[in-house]
Each structure stands twice: as structure tokens, then as C-alpha cells.
Amino acid sequence: MSGHPHPQGGAFTRALKELAQAHIPYRVMTFEAKERSAEEVARETNLPLPQVVKTLLVQGASKKYYLALCPGDRQVNLKALARALNEKGVDMAAREDVPKVTGYFIGGVSPLATHRSLPVVMEASILTMPEIAISAGQWGCQAVLRPSDLRDHLGPRAMTASLCDIVNETNRKENLMSEYFYSLDARKYYKDLMEAQKDMFQAFINFNSEIFEKESALPKKVKELIAIGVAHTTQCPYCIEAHVKAAKKAGATTKEIAEAIFVAAALRAGGAFAHSTISMGALKGMEGK
């Protein structure tokens, strides 16, 4: 990921300034916004809709304001959000309050550089994404960065919870596994796993981020090609789709991805070949009886 490029047109928003000053790697994607929706961002940037993260202003029964970060293919479950915030209830903030509290207009709210320092609740599944796009505080201007970098930058005012429901069937059909593997709906049960073992769940997310998101001896593309091969041997459809997309973004060609799959196939078949010695040995043993 690139360092701190300025968006085209010379604009440098408060949100981008905050990222630059914190030395957080990001890149900027700009386009002419007409709909001001997550779907439009996905179309214009060629990012999968789940990786386009909406920033929503909500208000609790206590009258406190919060920001909820939600993937573009989902909507916030207000009851789940209220439980996460220990509020009796939570509702969307009044439209007129959004610019007053955040300093941004609806459709361009960023979790960064808001007028008020607001607690942020991030949908847990966001941390499984290789990268996400958030509003840079201006219509048609998105900052693309690693979700773990955003979480770490927000620090103690950020928390992670399962707070969103998948509701858009059309968007789900864009996901390969919904057609011939497991339904994407199954991912909603991650929240049950997290609620059963929050510390272990977070430890796994951190471990996964450490392996795939931080610079190390292996380039990003090589890691993703290895992951594709392993995912085909473990036969995890979610992993296959996620890592194929991540490998492509890291610069892998279709030919390289196909070769990684055949390497996995060779090793998978090699296991059967190697274990044939057990079968042959058993037959030899029977001959002596």
C-alpha cells in the first residue's frame, strides 16, 4: 500500500491529514459522486461491497452519540449495537445532527477528524478484510487502508462487536460461494463464536492480521498465493474467495493463481500416493498368512 498520496484535484481533507500525520499507509480513490451510497463507491472503485465501510452516526438512550462502522452489504442491527454499548436503546441520529456532531454531511461521514471525539463501534467482520475503503470526509473521496491500522489508530475509543446483519440478496449473489459452496449468511454466526470466547476471537483476528497485513520476509503476493494453495487443500470456500481476491490485488496474475491451485492439487494427490505404501504393505502382510 502506498504512503500518503493526496487525492486528485488537490483536496486534502481533515481525515486524510489525520492519517498522514499518524504515518498510516493509505491510498486515495476519487470519483464524481452522484448517489452518495456504498453501492456507488463499490462500482466506482471496483472494491467488493463488503469492503466499503459506512460510517453512521447513532444516538443512545443516554443521549450520547456514537459512530458505527458497517460493511456496505449490511445494515446495523440497532438492538445488537445497544447491547454492545450497554445502552437501553440506540437509534440513528437525526439528519440535522450529523453535520453538527461530525462536521461532515450524510454520505461523506468519516470516522476520522470528527468535530467531537466520538466512541466508535466497528463490525467484527471488517477486521477480516485485507483492506477497506472509508469516507475521507468528502463526497467521492475514499481512503483505502488496512482495517487493523484504523482500529489501532482509533485506540481506546474504538471497540469491535458483531452489530450488522446481511440484508441485500442481490449483493450476496455477487459472492461466488453463495452459488455453489456455503451461504454467505453463515458468516452471521461469527458473532456467536465471538460472544462465546471474545478474547480468543480477538486473538485470532490479531494473529491473522499479523500474518497477512504486516510487512515481513515474504511479499504480500507470495503469502496470498500460499494461502490459496492451503485453502484449496483445507477446502475452505470463504478462504478461497478472500485470498484469491487479495492475491489479485497484490499483483498476482490469473496464471500464477492457477499454478498455486495445481501445486495444492499435486500435494493433495501426493498424500494419497505416499500412503499407498500402507495399502501395499497390508497386502504383503496378507500374502504371508
Protein backbone atom coordinates (compact mmCIF):
# COMPACT_ATOMS: atom_id res chain seq x y z
CA MET A 1 0.00 0.00 0.00
CA SER A 2 1.25 3.46 -0.83
CA GLY A 3 2.21 6.09 1.69
CA HIS A 4 0.28 9.32 1.90
CA PRO A 5 -0.86 10.45 -1.56
CA HIS A 6 -3.09 13.48 -1.89
CA PRO A 7 -6.39 12.94 -3.71
CA GLN A 8 -6.71 14.13 -7.26
CA GLY A 9 -7.77 17.71 -7.61
CA GLY A 10 -5.58 18.95 -4.75
CA ALA A 11 -8.14 18.38 -1.97
CA PHE A 12 -6.65 17.29 1.32
CA THR A 13 -9.41 16.65 3.83
CA ARG A 14 -9.18 16.69 7.62
CA ALA A 15 -9.47 12.89 7.64
CA LEU A 16 -6.59 12.45 5.18
CA LYS A 17 -4.50 14.93 7.14
CA GLU A 18 -5.05 12.87 10.29
CA LEU A 19 -3.92 9.69 8.52
CA ALA A 20 -0.86 11.41 7.11
CA GLN A 21 0.16 12.89 10.45
CA ALA A 22 -0.20 9.47 12.08
CA HIS A 23 2.01 7.92 9.34
CA ILE A 24 -0.69 5.39 8.47
CA PRO A 25 -0.32 3.86 4.98
CA TYR A 26 -3.30 4.59 2.76
CA ARG A 27 -4.28 5.41 -0.77
CA VAL A 28 -6.98 7.70 -2.09
CA MET A 29 -9.67 6.90 -4.65
CA THR A 30 -11.78 9.70 -6.08
CA PHE A 31 -14.77 9.84 -8.39
CA GLU A 32 -17.76 12.04 -9.19
CA ALA A 33 -20.34 11.14 -6.55
CA LYS A 34 -23.98 11.21 -7.60
CA GLU A 35 -25.80 8.66 -5.43
CA ARG A 36 -23.57 9.04 -2.35
CA SER A 37 -24.08 5.38 -1.43
CA ALA A 38 -21.87 2.40 -0.60
CA GLU A 39 -23.05 0.71 -3.81
CA GLU A 40 -21.82 3.65 -5.87
CA VAL A 41 -18.44 3.58 -4.12
CA ALA A 42 -18.10 -0.15 -4.87
CA ARG A 43 -18.92 0.40 -8.56
CA GLU A 44 -16.61 3.36 -8.98
CA THR A 45 -13.63 1.90 -7.10
CA ASN A 46 -14.05 -1.77 -8.13
CA LEU A 47 -13.88 -2.78 -4.47
CA PRO A 48 -16.18 -5.54 -3.19
CA LEU A 49 -19.19 -4.02 -1.46
CA PRO A 50 -18.34 -5.61 1.95
CA GLN A 51 -15.02 -3.73 1.89
CA VAL A 52 -16.76 -0.38 1.50
CA VAL A 53 -17.34 0.65 5.10
CA LYS A 54 -20.17 3.01 6.01
CA THR A 55 -19.75 5.38 8.96
CA LEU A 56 -23.08 6.02 10.65
CA LEU A 57 -23.91 8.41 13.48
CA VAL A 58 -26.20 6.92 16.13
CA GLN A 59 -27.55 8.16 19.43
CA GLY A 60 -28.16 6.11 22.55
CA ALA A 61 -30.95 6.40 25.09
CA SER A 62 -28.41 8.23 27.25
CA LYS A 63 -28.31 10.95 24.53
CA LYS A 64 -24.66 10.11 23.83
CA TYR A 65 -23.52 9.92 20.21
CA TYR A 66 -21.53 7.07 18.69
CA LEU A 67 -20.15 6.10 15.29
CA ALA A 68 -20.97 2.66 13.91
CA LEU A 69 -18.79 1.20 11.15
CA CYS A 70 -20.72 -1.21 8.95
CA PRO A 71 -19.80 -3.11 5.72
CA GLY A 72 -21.58 -1.86 2.63
CA ASP A 73 -23.60 -5.05 2.15
CA ARG A 74 -25.06 -4.93 5.65
CA GLN A 75 -27.19 -2.80 7.90
CA VAL A 76 -26.73 -2.04 11.58
CA ASN A 77 -28.75 -4.15 14.00
CA LEU A 78 -29.69 -1.47 16.49
CA LYS A 79 -30.52 -3.96 19.24
CA ALA A 80 -27.11 -5.61 18.91
CA LEU A 81 -25.45 -2.21 18.87
CA ALA A 82 -27.30 -1.15 22.02
CA ARG A 83 -26.09 -4.31 23.80
CA ALA A 84 -22.52 -3.63 22.73
CA LEU A 85 -22.72 -0.06 24.03
CA ASN A 86 -24.58 -1.01 27.21
CA GLU A 87 -27.36 1.37 26.20
CA LYS A 88 -31.05 0.75 26.79
CA GLY A 89 -31.66 1.62 23.17
CA VAL A 90 -29.95 3.11 20.14
CA ASP A 91 -31.36 4.87 17.10
CA MET A 92 -30.00 6.66 14.05
CA ALA A 93 -29.13 10.26 14.83
CA ALA A 94 -31.35 12.99 13.41
CA ARG A 95 -30.19 14.09 9.95
CA GLU A 96 -29.68 17.66 11.08
CA ASP A 97 -27.41 16.49 13.91
CA VAL A 98 -24.93 14.70 11.61
CA PRO A 99 -23.01 17.78 10.36
CA LYS A 100 -23.22 19.45 13.78
CA VAL A 101 -21.69 16.48 15.60
CA THR A 102 -19.32 15.08 12.99
CA GLY A 103 -18.51 18.06 10.79
CA TYR A 104 -19.48 16.02 7.73
CA PHE A 105 -22.54 15.70 5.54
CA ILE A 106 -24.53 12.47 5.23
CA GLY A 107 -22.90 10.26 2.62
CA GLY A 108 -19.46 11.61 3.46
CA VAL A 109 -19.07 10.92 7.18
CA SER A 110 -15.61 9.72 8.17
CA PRO A 111 -14.60 8.08 11.47
CA LEU A 112 -11.57 10.39 11.42
CA ALA A 113 -11.21 14.07 12.39
CA THR A 114 -14.80 14.50 13.55
CA HIS A 115 -15.80 17.70 15.33
CA ARG A 116 -16.37 15.73 18.51
CA SER A 117 -14.25 12.81 19.68
CA LEU A 118 -16.79 10.01 19.41
CA PRO A 119 -16.70 6.37 20.55
CA VAL A 120 -16.53 4.07 17.52
CA VAL A 121 -18.03 0.58 17.22
CA MET A 122 -16.61 -1.50 14.38
CA GLU A 123 -18.40 -4.54 12.98
CA ALA A 124 -16.16 -7.53 13.79
CA SER A 125 -16.09 -8.89 10.24
CA ILE A 126 -14.40 -5.70 9.00
CA LEU A 127 -11.15 -6.87 10.59
CA THR A 128 -11.13 -9.97 8.38
CA MET A 129 -10.89 -7.80 5.24
CA PRO A 130 -7.49 -7.28 3.57
CA GLU A 131 -8.32 -3.57 3.14
CA ILE A 132 -11.31 -1.28 3.45
CA ALA A 133 -12.50 2.00 1.99
CA ILE A 134 -13.79 4.68 4.35
CA SER A 135 -15.02 8.13 3.52
CA ALA A 136 -12.25 10.71 3.56
CA GLY A 137 -14.84 13.26 4.65
CA GLN A 138 -15.85 14.41 1.19
CA TRP A 139 -18.34 13.02 -1.32
CA GLY A 140 -16.50 10.98 -3.93
CA CYS A 141 -13.29 10.71 -1.91
CA GLN A 142 -12.36 7.43 -0.23
CA ALA A 143 -9.36 6.49 1.89
CA VAL A 144 -8.32 2.85 1.42
CA LEU A 145 -6.35 1.33 4.27
CA ARG A 146 -5.90 -1.78 6.40
CA PRO A 147 -8.71 -2.20 8.95
CA SER A 148 -6.27 -3.10 11.72
CA ASP A 149 -4.44 0.19 11.14
CA LEU A 150 -7.70 2.08 11.53
CA ARG A 151 -8.61 0.19 14.69
CA ASP A 152 -5.17 0.74 16.21
CA HIS A 153 -5.22 4.43 15.32
CA LEU A 154 -8.63 4.96 16.92
CA GLY A 155 -7.25 3.36 20.07
CA PRO A 156 -9.31 3.12 23.25
CA ARG A 157 -12.31 4.93 21.78
CA ALA A 158 -12.85 2.04 19.36
CA MET A 159 -14.42 -1.31 20.11
CA THR A 160 -15.29 -4.35 18.00
CA ALA A 161 -18.65 -6.13 18.05
CA SER A 162 -20.99 -8.12 15.84
CA LEU A 163 -23.58 -5.46 15.12
CA CYS A 164 -24.61 -5.82 11.47
CA ASP A 165 -26.99 -8.05 9.53
CA ILE A 166 -26.67 -9.05 5.88
CA VAL A 167 -29.83 -7.95 4.14
CA ASN A 168 -29.09 -7.42 0.45
CA GLU A 169 -29.68 -10.62 -1.51
CA THR A 170 -28.52 -9.06 -4.78
CA ASN A 171 -25.13 -8.25 -3.33
CA ARG A 172 -24.83 -11.70 -1.80
CA LYS A 173 -25.24 -13.24 -5.27
CA GLU A 174 -22.08 -11.46 -6.35
CA ASN A 175 -20.22 -13.64 -3.89
CA LEU A 176 -19.04 -16.85 -5.54
CA MET A 177 -19.63 -19.16 -2.61
CA SER A 178 -23.30 -18.21 -2.37
CA GLU A 179 -23.85 -20.03 -5.65
CA TYR A 180 -22.01 -23.28 -5.12
CA PHE A 181 -20.49 -23.55 -1.68
CA TYR A 182 -21.85 -22.30 1.63
CA SER A 183 -24.31 -19.48 2.01
CA LEU A 184 -22.76 -16.16 2.96
CA ASP A 185 -25.48 -15.98 5.60
CA ALA A 186 -23.43 -18.43 7.64
CA ARG A 187 -20.97 -15.65 8.42
CA LYS A 188 -23.51 -14.08 10.76
CA TYR A 189 -22.67 -16.85 13.22
CA TYR A 190 -19.20 -15.39 13.74
CA LYS A 191 -20.86 -13.22 16.38
CA ASP A 192 -21.84 -16.33 18.34
CA LEU A 193 -18.26 -17.53 18.25
CA MET A 194 -17.03 -14.14 19.38
CA GLU A 195 -19.58 -13.89 22.19
CA ALA A 196 -18.63 -17.38 23.42
CA GLN A 197 -14.89 -16.59 23.51
CA LYS A 198 -14.23 -12.89 22.99
CA ASP A 199 -10.56 -12.99 23.99
CA MET A 200 -9.78 -15.98 21.78
CA PHE A 201 -11.74 -14.48 18.88
CA GLN A 202 -9.80 -11.21 19.13
CA ALA A 203 -6.52 -13.09 19.49
CA PHE A 204 -7.24 -14.96 16.26
CA ILE A 205 -8.10 -11.73 14.43
CA ASN A 206 -4.86 -10.15 15.67
CA PHE A 207 -2.87 -13.24 14.67
CA ASN A 208 -4.40 -13.24 11.19
CA SER A 209 -3.63 -9.53 10.79
CA GLU A 210 -0.05 -10.07 11.93
CA ILE A 211 0.48 -12.74 9.27
CA PHE A 212 -1.21 -11.12 6.28
CA GLU A 213 -1.12 -7.38 6.84
CA LYS A 214 2.33 -6.59 8.22
CA GLU A 215 5.46 -6.42 6.13
CA SER A 216 7.75 -9.41 6.56
CA ALA A 217 10.26 -11.64 4.74
CA LEU A 218 7.57 -12.85 2.32
CA PRO A 219 5.95 -10.36 -0.07
CA LYS A 220 2.20 -9.92 0.19
CA LYS A 221 1.62 -11.65 -3.16
CA VAL A 222 3.61 -14.73 -2.14
CA LYS A 223 1.69 -15.02 1.13
CA GLU A 224 -1.63 -14.85 -0.69
CA LEU A 225 -0.57 -17.47 -3.26
CA ILE A 226 0.46 -19.79 -0.43
CA ALA A 227 -2.88 -19.11 1.26
CA ILE A 228 -4.75 -20.01 -1.95
CA GLY A 229 -2.96 -23.36 -2.13
CA VAL A 230 -3.61 -24.13 1.52
CA ALA A 231 -7.25 -23.03 1.26
CA HIS A 232 -7.80 -25.48 -1.60
CA THR A 233 -6.38 -28.33 0.45
CA THR A 234 -8.36 -27.41 3.58
CA GLN A 235 -11.35 -26.80 1.27
CA CYS A 236 -12.49 -23.60 2.96
CA PRO A 237 -14.68 -21.71 0.44
CA TYR A 238 -14.56 -18.47 2.42
CA CYS A 239 -10.74 -18.57 2.50
CA ILE A 240 -10.51 -19.41 -1.20
CA GLU A 241 -12.58 -16.43 -2.25
CA ALA A 242 -10.95 -13.97 0.16
CA HIS A 243 -7.38 -14.92 -0.70
CA VAL A 244 -7.94 -15.10 -4.47
CA LYS A 245 -9.23 -11.52 -4.35
CA ALA A 246 -6.39 -10.44 -2.06
CA ALA A 247 -3.79 -12.12 -4.31
CA LYS A 248 -5.19 -10.37 -7.37
CA LYS A 249 -4.98 -7.02 -5.62
CA ALA A 250 -1.42 -7.82 -4.54
CA GLY A 251 -0.44 -8.22 -8.18
CA ALA A 252 -0.84 -11.94 -8.77
CA THR A 253 -1.81 -12.97 -12.29
CA THR A 254 -4.52 -15.46 -13.16
CA LYS A 255 -1.78 -17.81 -14.37
CA GLU A 256 0.03 -17.60 -11.01
CA ILE A 257 -3.18 -18.23 -9.08
CA ALA A 258 -3.97 -21.24 -11.30
CA GLU A 259 -0.46 -22.61 -10.75
CA ALA A 260 -0.84 -22.27 -6.97
CA ILE A 261 -4.03 -24.33 -7.22
CA PHE A 262 -2.25 -27.06 -9.19
CA VAL A 263 0.61 -27.10 -6.67
CA ALA A 264 -2.01 -27.71 -3.98
CA ALA A 265 -3.64 -30.40 -6.11
CA ALA A 266 -0.27 -32.13 -6.58
CA LEU A 267 0.40 -32.16 -2.85
CA ARG A 268 -3.11 -33.35 -2.09
CA ALA A 269 -2.70 -36.19 -4.58
CA GLY A 270 0.80 -36.80 -3.26
CA GLY A 271 -0.66 -37.66 0.10
CA ALA A 272 -2.70 -40.46 -1.43
CA PHE A 273 0.33 -41.65 -3.39
CA ALA A 274 2.57 -41.66 -0.31
CA HIS A 275 0.00 -43.52 1.79
CA SER A 276 -0.27 -46.20 -0.88
CA THR A 277 2.71 -47.81 0.84
CA ILE A 278 0.43 -48.67 3.76
CA SER A 279 -2.03 -50.40 1.43
CA MET A 280 0.73 -52.30 -0.35
CA GLY A 281 2.26 -53.27 2.97
CA ALA A 282 -1.08 -54.57 4.24
CA LEU A 283 -1.47 -56.71 1.09
CA LYS A 284 2.02 -58.10 1.51
CA GLY A 285 1.19 -58.99 5.08
CA MET A 286 -1.90 -60.90 3.97
CA GLU A 287 0.13 -62.89 1.44
CA GLY A 288 2.22 -64.36 4.22
CA LYS A 289 -0.82 -65.70 6.06
